[in-house]
Amino acid sequence: MSYQIYYPCEPLRPYIENYWTLQTDHELYHQFVVDGQADLLLNYGSAYERGPLYSTGEKLTASNLDGQRQYPLKIQQTGNIDLIGVRFRVGGLAAFTTIPVFQISNLTVDLRAVFGRSEDDLQLALYHQPDERRVELLNRFFMGRLLVRDAHRLTDRIADRVRQMGGTIAIPTLSREFGYSPRTLDRLFGQYYGFSPKFYARIVRFQQALRRIKRGGSLTEIGLDLGYYDLAHFSREFSAFSGHRHPVANQPRGSF
């Protein structure tokens, strides 16, 4: 199996986490926890199944954009696997499209619905190119679409504050700190992040819990430190975001 990760040019790094390539003829099965990130998948190989963790997924043959997920996900593929991926940061996709990203939350959509016909040219240009050339072409494509609005920058600042507080800050408190109503915060996050600030706070807290669990330690202590009411509340939230009933150290990651 050949799996490589590459990083975008500096101006794109606040919005794109990485590019990656995967080629193999072995069966692929992977699970993904909730992380609020969107993924672009350019598929040059066989069809693959993608969907909720414990149900039958959708069979996909074409390239697509997987919107920011609010449930655990699985991907399974057999045959010739040849993928190029773009991993957007939370809120990053909105820097490259004019559509409100809440419209594609939990959806797998045709790339042309988000990027227009220019996506077809990109997919053709990347085919049979060395990875270094692919990175160059991807950088050029996204730099040509990069447009960060003031409202997007404001949403990023609010999200930074949520992260600083480990996801434990109350929405009314957040509203007072930034001088915007809870309804306005919901609208901003829906437009640029694809979900509410309350849901984003839940993601931040879950991801923090996941990192601490992997380092070891008392689950009760971790849960209480992060503001969960009790171990039962912690377990329910962990199940909703990971698909596993109980928090354990060896969990699926958020990307390939």
C-alpha atoms as a PDB file:
ATOM      1  CA  MET A   1       0.000   0.000   0.000  1.00  0.00           C
ATOM      2  CA  SER A   2       1.222   3.479  -0.875  1.00  0.00           C
ATOM      3  CA  TYR A   3      -0.167   6.230   1.350  1.00  0.00           C
ATOM      4  CA  GLN A   4       1.375   9.700   1.304  1.00  0.00           C
ATOM      5  CA  ILE A   5       0.464  12.978   2.997  1.00  0.00           C
ATOM      6  CA  TYR A   6       1.369  16.387   1.559  1.00  0.00           C
ATOM      7  CA  TYR A   7       0.804  19.880   2.879  1.00  0.00           C
ATOM      8  CA  PRO A   8      -0.638  22.857   1.015  1.00  0.00           C
ATOM      9  CA  CYS A   9       1.145  26.139   0.416  1.00  0.00           C
ATOM     10  CA  GLU A  10       1.263  28.565   3.333  1.00  0.00           C
ATOM     11  CA  PRO A  11      -1.777  30.754   2.429  1.00  0.00           C
ATOM     12  CA  LEU A  12      -3.992  27.641   2.267  1.00  0.00           C
ATOM     13  CA  ARG A  13      -2.910  26.063   5.551  1.00  0.00           C
ATOM     14  CA  PRO A  14      -5.507  27.813   7.739  1.00  0.00           C
ATOM     15  CA  TYR A  15      -8.200  26.151   5.599  1.00  0.00           C
ATOM     16  CA  ILE A  16      -6.722  22.879   4.277  1.00  0.00           C
ATOM     17  CA  GLU A  17      -5.088  20.418   6.667  1.00  0.00           C
ATOM     18  CA  ASN A  18      -3.461  18.229   4.032  1.00  0.00           C
ATOM     19  CA  TYR A  19      -3.602  16.493   0.686  1.00  0.00           C
ATOM     20  CA  TRP A  20      -3.140  12.736   0.558  1.00  0.00           C
ATOM     21  CA  THR A  21      -2.830   9.913  -1.962  1.00  0.00           C
ATOM     22  CA  LEU A  22      -3.627   6.234  -1.540  1.00  0.00           C
ATOM     23  CA  GLN A  23      -2.930   3.392  -3.976  1.00  0.00           C
ATOM     24  CA  THR A  24      -3.398  -0.281  -3.111  1.00  0.00           C
ATOM     25  CA  ASP A  25      -5.009  -3.467  -4.384  1.00  0.00           C
ATOM     26  CA  HIS A  26      -5.857  -4.640  -0.855  1.00  0.00           C
ATOM     27  CA  GLU A  27      -9.269  -4.214   0.732  1.00  0.00           C
ATOM     28  CA  LEU A  28      -9.711  -0.917   2.545  1.00  0.00           C
ATOM     29  CA  TYR A  29     -11.908  -0.573   5.624  1.00  0.00           C
ATOM     30  CA  HIS A  30     -11.718   2.417   7.907  1.00  0.00           C
ATOM     31  CA  GLN A  31     -13.806   4.117  10.570  1.00  0.00           C
ATOM     32  CA  PHE A  32     -13.989   7.845  11.226  1.00  0.00           C
ATOM     33  CA  VAL A  33     -15.080   9.648  14.368  1.00  0.00           C
ATOM     34  CA  VAL A  34     -16.941  12.950  14.302  1.00  0.00           C
ATOM     35  CA  ASP A  35     -14.513  15.828  13.789  1.00  0.00           C
ATOM     36  CA  GLY A  36     -16.519  18.438  11.853  1.00  0.00           C
ATOM     37  CA  GLN A  37     -14.185  18.347   8.842  1.00  0.00           C
ATOM     38  CA  ALA A  38     -15.093  18.016   5.169  1.00  0.00           C
ATOM     39  CA  ASP A  39     -13.192  15.851   2.688  1.00  0.00           C
ATOM     40  CA  LEU A  40     -12.781  15.975  -1.070  1.00  0.00           C
ATOM     41  CA  LEU A  41     -12.188  12.569  -2.664  1.00  0.00           C
ATOM     42  CA  LEU A  42     -10.959  12.157  -6.228  1.00  0.00           C
ATOM     43  CA  ASN A  43     -11.524   8.530  -7.132  1.00  0.00           C
ATOM     44  CA  TYR A  44      -9.560   6.971 -10.003  1.00  0.00           C
ATOM     45  CA  GLY A  45     -10.155   3.385  -8.878  1.00  0.00           C
ATOM     46  CA  SER A  46     -13.009   1.019  -8.095  1.00  0.00           C
ATOM     47  CA  ALA A  47     -16.314   1.926  -6.476  1.00  0.00           C
ATOM     48  CA  TYR A  48     -16.398   2.247  -2.705  1.00  0.00           C
ATOM     49  CA  GLU A  49     -19.007   2.158   0.025  1.00  0.00           C
ATOM     50  CA  ARG A  50     -19.309   5.111   2.353  1.00  0.00           C
ATOM     51  CA  GLY A  51     -21.903   5.700   5.037  1.00  0.00           C
ATOM     52  CA  PRO A  52     -22.942   5.534   8.721  1.00  0.00           C
ATOM     53  CA  LEU A  53     -20.920   3.162  10.859  1.00  0.00           C
ATOM     54  CA  TYR A  54     -23.511   0.476  11.582  1.00  0.00           C
ATOM     55  CA  SER A  55     -25.664   0.538   8.462  1.00  0.00           C
ATOM     56  CA  THR A  56     -25.331  -0.144   4.757  1.00  0.00           C
ATOM     57  CA  GLY A  57     -23.511   2.684   3.035  1.00  0.00           C
ATOM     58  CA  GLU A  58     -23.948   4.213  -0.395  1.00  0.00           C
ATOM     59  CA  LYS A  59     -21.981   2.718  -3.265  1.00  0.00           C
ATOM     60  CA  LEU A  60     -19.959   5.489  -4.902  1.00  0.00           C
ATOM     61  CA  THR A  61     -18.046   5.346  -8.168  1.00  0.00           C
ATOM     62  CA  ALA A  62     -17.366   8.991  -8.960  1.00  0.00           C
ATOM     63  CA  SER A  63     -15.345  11.600  -7.121  1.00  0.00           C
ATOM     64  CA  ASN A  64     -17.239  13.547  -4.505  1.00  0.00           C
ATOM     65  CA  LEU A  65     -17.190  15.925  -1.569  1.00  0.00           C
ATOM     66  CA  ASP A  66     -18.040  14.512   1.830  1.00  0.00           C
ATOM     67  CA  GLY A  67     -19.582  17.295   3.906  1.00  0.00           C
ATOM     68  CA  GLN A  68     -18.824  17.886   7.557  1.00  0.00           C
ATOM     69  CA  ARG A  69     -20.172  14.886   9.450  1.00  0.00           C
ATOM     70  CA  GLN A  70     -22.252  14.809  12.619  1.00  0.00           C
ATOM     71  CA  TYR A  71     -22.152  11.021  12.993  1.00  0.00           C
ATOM     72  CA  PRO A  72     -19.435   8.305  12.859  1.00  0.00           C
ATOM     73  CA  LEU A  73     -18.610   7.075   9.369  1.00  0.00           C
ATOM     74  CA  LYS A  74     -17.100   4.066   7.627  1.00  0.00           C
ATOM     75  CA  ILE A  75     -15.507   3.608   4.219  1.00  0.00           C
ATOM     76  CA  GLN A  76     -14.949   0.254   2.527  1.00  0.00           C
ATOM     77  CA  GLN A  77     -13.395  -0.442  -0.861  1.00  0.00           C
ATOM     78  CA  THR A  78     -12.129  -3.491  -2.708  1.00  0.00           C
ATOM     79  CA  GLY A  79     -10.337  -3.894  -6.023  1.00  0.00           C
ATOM     80  CA  ASN A  80      -8.069  -1.248  -7.473  1.00  0.00           C
ATOM     81  CA  ILE A  81      -7.859   1.657  -5.026  1.00  0.00           C
ATOM     82  CA  ASP A  82      -6.500   4.936  -6.349  1.00  0.00           C
ATOM     83  CA  LEU A  83      -7.575   7.995  -4.371  1.00  0.00           C
ATOM     84  CA  ILE A  84      -6.489  11.598  -3.985  1.00  0.00           C
ATOM     85  CA  GLY A  85      -7.909  13.374  -0.958  1.00  0.00           C
ATOM     86  CA  VAL A  86      -8.153  16.923   0.312  1.00  0.00           C
ATOM     87  CA  ARG A  87      -8.730  17.244   4.052  1.00  0.00           C
ATOM     88  CA  PHE A  88     -10.281  20.594   4.953  1.00  0.00           C
ATOM     89  CA  ARG A  89      -9.905  22.063   8.415  1.00  0.00           C
ATOM     90  CA  VAL A  90     -13.060  22.692  10.420  1.00  0.00           C
ATOM     91  CA  GLY A  91     -14.689  25.663   8.695  1.00  0.00           C
ATOM     92  CA  GLY A  92     -12.084  25.575   5.928  1.00  0.00           C
ATOM     93  CA  LEU A  93     -14.307  24.507   3.038  1.00  0.00           C
ATOM     94  CA  ALA A  94     -16.232  27.802   3.192  1.00  0.00           C
ATOM     95  CA  ALA A  95     -13.118  29.651   2.003  1.00  0.00           C
ATOM     96  CA  PHE A  96     -13.501  28.038  -1.436  1.00  0.00           C
ATOM     97  CA  THR A  97     -17.237  28.048  -2.129  1.00  0.00           C
ATOM     98  CA  THR A  98     -20.105  30.524  -2.032  1.00  0.00           C
ATOM     99  CA  ILE A  99     -22.736  28.037  -0.894  1.00  0.00           C
ATOM    100  CA  PRO A 100     -23.649  27.955   2.825  1.00  0.00           C
ATOM    101  CA  VAL A 101     -21.869  24.829   4.007  1.00  0.00           C
ATOM    102  CA  PHE A 102     -24.766  23.743   6.241  1.00  0.00           C
ATOM    103  CA  GLN A 103     -26.436  22.710   2.976  1.00  0.00           C
ATOM    104  CA  ILE A 104     -23.984  19.819   2.596  1.00  0.00           C
ATOM    105  CA  SER A 105     -23.619  18.761   6.241  1.00  0.00           C
ATOM    106  CA  ASN A 106     -23.832  14.952   6.493  1.00  0.00           C
ATOM    107  CA  LEU A 107     -24.105  14.684   2.712  1.00  0.00           C
ATOM    108  CA  THR A 108     -21.908  13.268  -0.024  1.00  0.00           C
ATOM    109  CA  VAL A 109     -22.304  15.520  -3.054  1.00  0.00           C
ATOM    110  CA  ASP A 110     -21.014  15.841  -6.599  1.00  0.00           C
ATOM    111  CA  LEU A 111     -17.973  18.104  -6.709  1.00  0.00           C
ATOM    112  CA  ARG A 112     -19.508  20.245  -9.432  1.00  0.00           C
ATOM    113  CA  ALA A 113     -22.283  21.265  -7.033  1.00  0.00           C
ATOM    114  CA  VAL A 114     -19.630  22.958  -4.893  1.00  0.00           C
ATOM    115  CA  PHE A 115     -16.820  23.928  -7.269  1.00  0.00           C
ATOM    116  CA  GLY A 116     -18.546  24.083 -10.663  1.00  0.00           C
ATOM    117  CA  ARG A 117     -17.213  22.701 -13.925  1.00  0.00           C
ATOM    118  CA  SER A 118     -13.635  23.690 -13.048  1.00  0.00           C
ATOM    119  CA  GLU A 119     -13.488  20.550 -10.927  1.00  0.00           C
ATOM    120  CA  ASP A 120     -13.653  18.419 -14.078  1.00  0.00           C
ATOM    121  CA  ASP A 121     -10.511  20.109 -15.396  1.00  0.00           C
ATOM    122  CA  LEU A 122      -8.751  19.544 -12.075  1.00  0.00           C
ATOM    123  CA  GLN A 123      -9.589  15.857 -11.971  1.00  0.00           C
ATOM    124  CA  LEU A 124      -8.337  15.300 -15.506  1.00  0.00           C
ATOM    125  CA  ALA A 125      -5.177  17.314 -14.868  1.00  0.00           C
ATOM    126  CA  LEU A 126      -4.263  15.263 -11.774  1.00  0.00           C
ATOM    127  CA  TYR A 127      -4.617  11.877 -13.455  1.00  0.00           C
ATOM    128  CA  HIS A 128      -1.336   9.994 -13.984  1.00  0.00           C
ATOM    129  CA  GLN A 129       0.732  12.868 -12.577  1.00  0.00           C
ATOM    130  CA  PRO A 130       3.530  12.463 -10.004  1.00  0.00           C
ATOM    131  CA  ASP A 131       2.496  13.523  -6.526  1.00  0.00           C
ATOM    132  CA  GLU A 132       4.669  16.644  -6.536  1.00  0.00           C
ATOM    133  CA  ARG A 133       2.860  17.868  -9.636  1.00  0.00           C
ATOM    134  CA  ARG A 134      -0.489  17.016  -8.059  1.00  0.00           C
ATOM    135  CA  VAL A 135       0.324  19.172  -5.041  1.00  0.00           C
ATOM    136  CA  GLU A 136       1.258  22.037  -7.345  1.00  0.00           C
ATOM    137  CA  LEU A 137      -2.017  21.716  -9.275  1.00  0.00           C
ATOM    138  CA  LEU A 138      -4.106  21.451  -6.107  1.00  0.00           C
ATOM    139  CA  ASN A 139      -2.424  24.560  -4.673  1.00  0.00           C
ATOM    140  CA  ARG A 140      -3.134  26.441  -7.880  1.00  0.00           C
ATOM    141  CA  PHE A 141      -6.775  25.315  -7.942  1.00  0.00           C
ATOM    142  CA  PHE A 142      -7.526  26.325  -4.362  1.00  0.00           C
ATOM    143  CA  MET A 143      -5.532  29.552  -4.458  1.00  0.00           C
ATOM    144  CA  GLY A 144      -7.658  30.557  -7.445  1.00  0.00           C
ATOM    145  CA  ARG A 145     -10.810  30.034  -5.377  1.00  0.00           C
ATOM    146  CA  LEU A 146      -9.630  31.367  -2.021  1.00  0.00           C
ATOM    147  CA  LEU A 147     -11.950  34.077  -0.699  1.00  0.00           C
ATOM    148  CA  VAL A 148     -12.278  34.638   3.044  1.00  0.00           C
ATOM    149  CA  ARG A 149     -15.060  37.029   3.997  1.00  0.00           C
ATOM    150  CA  ASP A 150     -15.073  39.194   7.123  1.00  0.00           C
ATOM    151  CA  ALA A 151     -17.954  37.166   8.555  1.00  0.00           C
ATOM    152  CA  HIS A 152     -15.896  34.002   8.057  1.00  0.00           C
ATOM    153  CA  ARG A 153     -12.960  35.542   9.934  1.00  0.00           C
ATOM    154  CA  LEU A 154     -15.331  36.524  12.754  1.00  0.00           C
ATOM    155  CA  THR A 155     -16.643  32.959  12.947  1.00  0.00           C
ATOM    156  CA  ASP A 156     -13.064  31.673  13.109  1.00  0.00           C
ATOM    157  CA  ARG A 157     -12.344  33.997  16.045  1.00  0.00           C
ATOM    158  CA  ILE A 158     -15.416  32.759  17.875  1.00  0.00           C
ATOM    159  CA  ALA A 159     -14.404  29.162  17.153  1.00  0.00           C
ATOM    160  CA  ASP A 160     -10.909  29.915  18.500  1.00  0.00           C
ATOM    161  CA  ARG A 161     -12.501  30.992  21.764  1.00  0.00           C
ATOM    162  CA  VAL A 162     -14.501  27.748  21.929  1.00  0.00           C
ATOM    163  CA  ARG A 163     -11.263  25.790  21.460  1.00  0.00           C
ATOM    164  CA  GLN A 164      -9.454  27.871  24.077  1.00  0.00           C
ATOM    165  CA  MET A 165     -12.145  26.852  26.561  1.00  0.00           C
ATOM    166  CA  GLY A 166     -11.971  23.200  25.556  1.00  0.00           C
ATOM    167  CA  GLY A 167     -15.564  23.245  24.373  1.00  0.00           C
ATOM    168  CA  THR A 168     -16.891  23.999  27.857  1.00  0.00           C
ATOM    169  CA  ILE A 169     -17.968  27.613  27.283  1.00  0.00           C
ATOM    170  CA  ALA A 170     -21.731  28.233  27.376  1.00  0.00           C
ATOM    171  CA  ILE A 171     -23.316  29.774  24.289  1.00  0.00           C
ATOM    172  CA  PRO A 172     -24.874  32.705  26.246  1.00  0.00           C
ATOM    173  CA  THR A 173     -21.394  33.482  27.589  1.00  0.00           C
ATOM    174  CA  LEU A 174     -19.960  33.318  24.081  1.00  0.00           C
ATOM    175  CA  SER A 175     -22.743  35.598  22.881  1.00  0.00           C
ATOM    176  CA  ARG A 176     -21.985  38.225  25.528  1.00  0.00           C
ATOM    177  CA  GLU A 177     -18.226  38.104  24.915  1.00  0.00           C
ATOM    178  CA  PHE A 178     -18.580  38.822  21.186  1.00  0.00           C
ATOM    179  CA  GLY A 179     -21.656  41.035  21.345  1.00  0.00           C
ATOM    180  CA  TYR A 180     -23.817  38.953  19.023  1.00  0.00           C
ATOM    181  CA  SER A 181     -27.083  37.206  19.751  1.00  0.00           C
ATOM    182  CA  PRO A 182     -27.197  33.388  19.978  1.00  0.00           C
ATOM    183  CA  ARG A 183     -29.277  33.434  16.799  1.00  0.00           C
ATOM    184  CA  THR A 184     -26.546  35.342  14.961  1.00  0.00           C
ATOM    185  CA  LEU A 185     -23.931  32.891  16.217  1.00  0.00           C
ATOM    186  CA  ASP A 186     -26.056  30.011  14.902  1.00  0.00           C
ATOM    187  CA  ARG A 187     -26.342  31.720  11.522  1.00  0.00           C
ATOM    188  CA  LEU A 188     -22.600  32.388  11.256  1.00  0.00           C
ATOM    189  CA  PHE A 189     -21.624  28.860  12.214  1.00  0.00           C
ATOM    190  CA  GLY A 190     -24.204  27.361   9.873  1.00  0.00           C
ATOM    191  CA  GLN A 191     -22.886  29.462   6.982  1.00  0.00           C
ATOM    192  CA  TYR A 192     -19.171  28.805   7.504  1.00  0.00           C
ATOM    193  CA  TYR A 193     -18.885  25.691   9.679  1.00  0.00           C
ATOM    194  CA  GLY A 194     -22.026  23.762   8.791  1.00  0.00           C
ATOM    195  CA  PHE A 195     -23.390  23.282  12.304  1.00  0.00           C
ATOM    196  CA  SER A 196     -24.271  25.265  15.423  1.00  0.00           C
ATOM    197  CA  PRO A 197     -21.688  26.668  17.872  1.00  0.00           C
ATOM    198  CA  LYS A 198     -23.132  24.329  20.503  1.00  0.00           C
ATOM    199  CA  PHE A 199     -22.424  21.316  18.309  1.00  0.00           C
ATOM    200  CA  TYR A 200     -18.942  22.635  17.581  1.00  0.00           C
ATOM    201  CA  ALA A 201     -18.308  22.894  21.326  1.00  0.00           C
ATOM    202  CA  ARG A 202     -19.339  19.246  21.654  1.00  0.00           C
ATOM    203  CA  ILE A 203     -16.857  18.270  18.922  1.00  0.00           C
ATOM    204  CA  VAL A 204     -14.035  20.192  20.616  1.00  0.00           C
ATOM    205  CA  ARG A 205     -14.754  18.553  23.964  1.00  0.00           C
ATOM    206  CA  PHE A 206     -14.998  15.074  22.434  1.00  0.00           C
ATOM    207  CA  GLN A 207     -11.727  15.483  20.520  1.00  0.00           C
ATOM    208  CA  GLN A 208     -10.021  16.661  23.693  1.00  0.00           C
ATOM    209  CA  ALA A 209     -11.383  13.630  25.552  1.00  0.00           C
ATOM    210  CA  LEU A 210     -10.159  11.337  22.763  1.00  0.00           C
ATOM    211  CA  ARG A 211      -6.611  12.708  23.023  1.00  0.00           C
ATOM    212  CA  ARG A 212      -6.556  12.275  26.785  1.00  0.00           C
ATOM    213  CA  ILE A 213      -7.941   8.737  26.626  1.00  0.00           C
ATOM    214  CA  LYS A 214      -5.163   7.749  24.209  1.00  0.00           C
ATOM    215  CA  ARG A 215      -2.610   9.032  26.732  1.00  0.00           C
ATOM    216  CA  GLY A 216      -4.222   6.948  29.477  1.00  0.00           C
ATOM    217  CA  GLY A 217      -5.790   7.967  32.769  1.00  0.00           C
ATOM    218  CA  SER A 218      -9.029   7.667  34.681  1.00  0.00           C
ATOM    219  CA  LEU A 219     -12.150   7.949  32.536  1.00  0.00           C
ATOM    220  CA  THR A 220     -14.058   9.432  35.443  1.00  0.00           C
ATOM    221  CA  GLU A 221     -11.395  12.078  35.954  1.00  0.00           C
ATOM    222  CA  ILE A 222     -11.246  12.903  32.252  1.00  0.00           C
ATOM    223  CA  GLY A 223     -15.022  13.174  32.036  1.00  0.00           C
ATOM    224  CA  LEU A 224     -15.320  15.443  35.046  1.00  0.00           C
ATOM    225  CA  ASP A 225     -12.395  17.621  33.969  1.00  0.00           C
ATOM    226  CA  LEU A 226     -14.088  18.208  30.622  1.00  0.00           C
ATOM    227  CA  GLY A 227     -17.445  19.120  32.102  1.00  0.00           C
ATOM    228  CA  TYR A 228     -19.469  15.959  31.517  1.00  0.00           C
ATOM    229  CA  TYR A 229     -22.092  15.474  34.193  1.00  0.00           C
ATOM    230  CA  ASP A 230     -21.067  11.910  35.017  1.00  0.00           C
ATOM    231  CA  LEU A 231     -19.589   8.806  33.423  1.00  0.00           C
ATOM    232  CA  ALA A 232     -22.946   7.874  31.866  1.00  0.00           C
ATOM    233  CA  HIS A 233     -23.133  11.277  30.139  1.00  0.00           C
ATOM    234  CA  PHE A 234     -19.532  10.888  28.973  1.00  0.00           C
ATOM    235  CA  SER A 235     -20.254   7.409  27.570  1.00  0.00           C
ATOM    236  CA  ARG A 236     -23.377   8.566  25.719  1.00  0.00           C
ATOM    237  CA  GLU A 237     -21.534  11.454  24.125  1.00  0.00           C
ATOM    238  CA  PHE A 238     -18.590   9.248  23.254  1.00  0.00           C
ATOM    239  CA  SER A 239     -20.891   6.729  21.610  1.00  0.00           C
ATOM    240  CA  ALA A 240     -22.631   9.436  19.567  1.00  0.00           C
ATOM    241  CA  PHE A 241     -19.330  10.758  18.216  1.00  0.00           C
ATOM    242  CA  SER A 242     -17.280   7.554  17.874  1.00  0.00           C
ATOM    243  CA  GLY A 243     -19.845   4.795  17.408  1.00  0.00           C
ATOM    244  CA  HIS A 244     -18.360   2.884  20.352  1.00  0.00           C
ATOM    245  CA  ARG A 245     -20.395   2.338  23.491  1.00  0.00           C
ATOM    246  CA  HIS A 246     -17.573   2.916  25.961  1.00  0.00           C
ATOM    247  CA  PRO A 247     -14.494   5.164  25.792  1.00  0.00           C
ATOM    248  CA  VAL A 248     -11.414   3.029  25.086  1.00  0.00           C
ATOM    249  CA  ALA A 249      -7.849   3.902  24.231  1.00  0.00           C
ATOM    250  CA  ASN A 250      -7.663   2.461  20.691  1.00  0.00           C
ATOM    251  CA  GLN A 251     -10.177   4.487  18.680  1.00  0.00           C
ATOM    252  CA  PRO A 252     -10.548   5.136  14.952  1.00  0.00           C
ATOM    253  CA  ARG A 253      -8.962   8.337  13.731  1.00  0.00           C
ATOM    254  CA  GLY A 254     -10.572  11.237  11.936  1.00  0.00           C
ATOM    255  CA  SER A 255      -8.883  10.731   8.561  1.00  0.00           C
ATOM    256  CA  PHE A 256      -6.985   8.151   6.520  1.00  0.00           C
END
